[in-house]
Amino acid sequence: MDENRVKGAVKTKIGEVKEAVGKALGDQKLKREGQADKVGGKVQNAVGGIKDALRGERDERDERR
């Protein structure tokens, strides 16, 4: 599993917490930061997934040789 997938998942969870705390406290800035962190985490997780897929294809080609 690519490191980006793990970091992305963590960033997404942190974003969820920030967003919830921001909502609870009425802090719009913290809420927006949380939303941004969630999006960034999802993107980072997707990049890791692509890297995993590419790595898997390369491993399959190497096994066929």
C-alpha atoms as a PDB file:
ATOM      1  CA  MET A   1       0.000   0.000   0.000  1.00  0.00           C
ATOM      2  CA  ASP A   2       1.317   3.373  -0.970  1.00  0.00           C
ATOM      3  CA  GLU A   3       2.235   5.828   1.786  1.00  0.00           C
ATOM      4  CA  ASN A   4      -0.053   8.446   0.206  1.00  0.00           C
ATOM      5  CA  ARG A   5      -3.098   6.286   0.872  1.00  0.00           C
ATOM      6  CA  VAL A   6      -2.363   6.158   4.592  1.00  0.00           C
ATOM      7  CA  LYS A   7      -1.527   9.850   4.862  1.00  0.00           C
ATOM      8  CA  GLY A   8      -4.605  10.732   2.825  1.00  0.00           C
ATOM      9  CA  ALA A   9      -6.879   8.692   5.077  1.00  0.00           C
ATOM     10  CA  VAL A  10      -5.423  10.361   8.170  1.00  0.00           C
ATOM     11  CA  LYS A  11      -5.804  13.814   6.646  1.00  0.00           C
ATOM     12  CA  THR A  12      -9.419  13.052   5.760  1.00  0.00           C
ATOM     13  CA  LYS A  13     -10.207  12.003   9.336  1.00  0.00           C
ATOM     14  CA  ILE A  14      -8.507  15.093  10.755  1.00  0.00           C
ATOM     15  CA  GLY A  15     -10.605  17.175   8.380  1.00  0.00           C
ATOM     16  CA  GLU A  16     -13.776  15.499   9.573  1.00  0.00           C
ATOM     17  CA  VAL A  17     -12.893  16.278  13.191  1.00  0.00           C
ATOM     18  CA  LYS A  18     -12.002  19.896  12.409  1.00  0.00           C
ATOM     19  CA  GLU A  19     -15.228  20.355  10.500  1.00  0.00           C
ATOM     20  CA  ALA A  20     -17.322  18.894  13.340  1.00  0.00           C
ATOM     21  CA  VAL A  21     -15.577  21.020  15.972  1.00  0.00           C
ATOM     22  CA  GLY A  22     -15.967  24.095  13.796  1.00  0.00           C
ATOM     23  CA  LYS A  23     -19.694  23.417  13.445  1.00  0.00           C
ATOM     24  CA  ALA A  24     -20.090  22.816  17.183  1.00  0.00           C
ATOM     25  CA  LEU A  25     -18.243  26.001  18.115  1.00  0.00           C
ATOM     26  CA  GLY A  26     -19.718  28.100  15.339  1.00  0.00           C
ATOM     27  CA  ASP A  27     -16.200  28.682  13.985  1.00  0.00           C
ATOM     28  CA  GLN A  28     -16.629  28.993  10.222  1.00  0.00           C
ATOM     29  CA  LYS A  29     -12.882  29.237   9.569  1.00  0.00           C
ATOM     30  CA  LEU A  30     -12.187  25.939  11.369  1.00  0.00           C
ATOM     31  CA  LYS A  31     -15.131  24.329   9.607  1.00  0.00           C
ATOM     32  CA  ARG A  32     -13.791  25.407   6.187  1.00  0.00           C
ATOM     33  CA  GLU A  33     -10.282  24.220   7.087  1.00  0.00           C
ATOM     34  CA  GLY A  34     -11.753  20.837   7.927  1.00  0.00           C
ATOM     35  CA  GLN A  35     -13.600  20.697   4.634  1.00  0.00           C
ATOM     36  CA  ALA A  36     -10.408  21.592   2.770  1.00  0.00           C
ATOM     37  CA  ASP A  37      -8.438  18.947   4.675  1.00  0.00           C
ATOM     38  CA  LYS A  38     -11.050  16.332   3.787  1.00  0.00           C
ATOM     39  CA  VAL A  39     -10.814  17.151   0.092  1.00  0.00           C
ATOM     40  CA  GLY A  40      -7.005  17.187   0.218  1.00  0.00           C
ATOM     41  CA  GLY A  41      -6.966  13.848   1.997  1.00  0.00           C
ATOM     42  CA  LYS A  42      -9.260  12.276  -0.569  1.00  0.00           C
ATOM     43  CA  VAL A  43      -7.060  13.524  -3.390  1.00  0.00           C
ATOM     44  CA  GLN A  44      -3.920  12.232  -1.690  1.00  0.00           C
ATOM     45  CA  ASN A  45      -5.604   8.878  -1.111  1.00  0.00           C
ATOM     46  CA  ALA A  46      -6.566   8.710  -4.790  1.00  0.00           C
ATOM     47  CA  VAL A  47      -2.976   9.450  -5.833  1.00  0.00           C
ATOM     48  CA  GLY A  48      -1.837   6.584  -3.632  1.00  0.00           C
ATOM     49  CA  GLY A  49      -4.407   4.306  -5.233  1.00  0.00           C
ATOM     50  CA  ILE A  50      -3.139   5.186  -8.686  1.00  0.00           C
ATOM     51  CA  LYS A  51       0.427   4.499  -7.614  1.00  0.00           C
ATOM     52  CA  ASP A  52      -0.664   1.137  -6.179  1.00  0.00           C
ATOM     53  CA  ALA A  53      -2.405   0.253  -9.433  1.00  0.00           C
ATOM     54  CA  LEU A  54       0.620   1.196 -11.516  1.00  0.00           C
ATOM     55  CA  ARG A  55       2.909  -0.706  -9.201  1.00  0.00           C
ATOM     56  CA  GLY A  56       0.624  -3.753  -9.504  1.00  0.00           C
ATOM     57  CA  GLU A  57       0.710  -3.622 -13.297  1.00  0.00           C
ATOM     58  CA  ARG A  58       4.508  -3.367 -13.260  1.00  0.00           C
ATOM     59  CA  ASP A  59       4.743  -6.347 -10.907  1.00  0.00           C
ATOM     60  CA  GLU A  60       2.456  -8.395 -13.162  1.00  0.00           C
ATOM     61  CA  ARG A  61       4.608  -7.606 -16.219  1.00  0.00           C
ATOM     62  CA  ASP A  62       7.750  -8.599 -14.327  1.00  0.00           C
ATOM     63  CA  GLU A  63       6.172 -11.916 -13.316  1.00  0.00           C
ATOM     64  CA  ARG A  64       5.305 -12.756 -16.943  1.00  0.00           C
ATOM     65  CA  ARG A  65       8.928 -12.416 -18.044  1.00  0.00           C
END
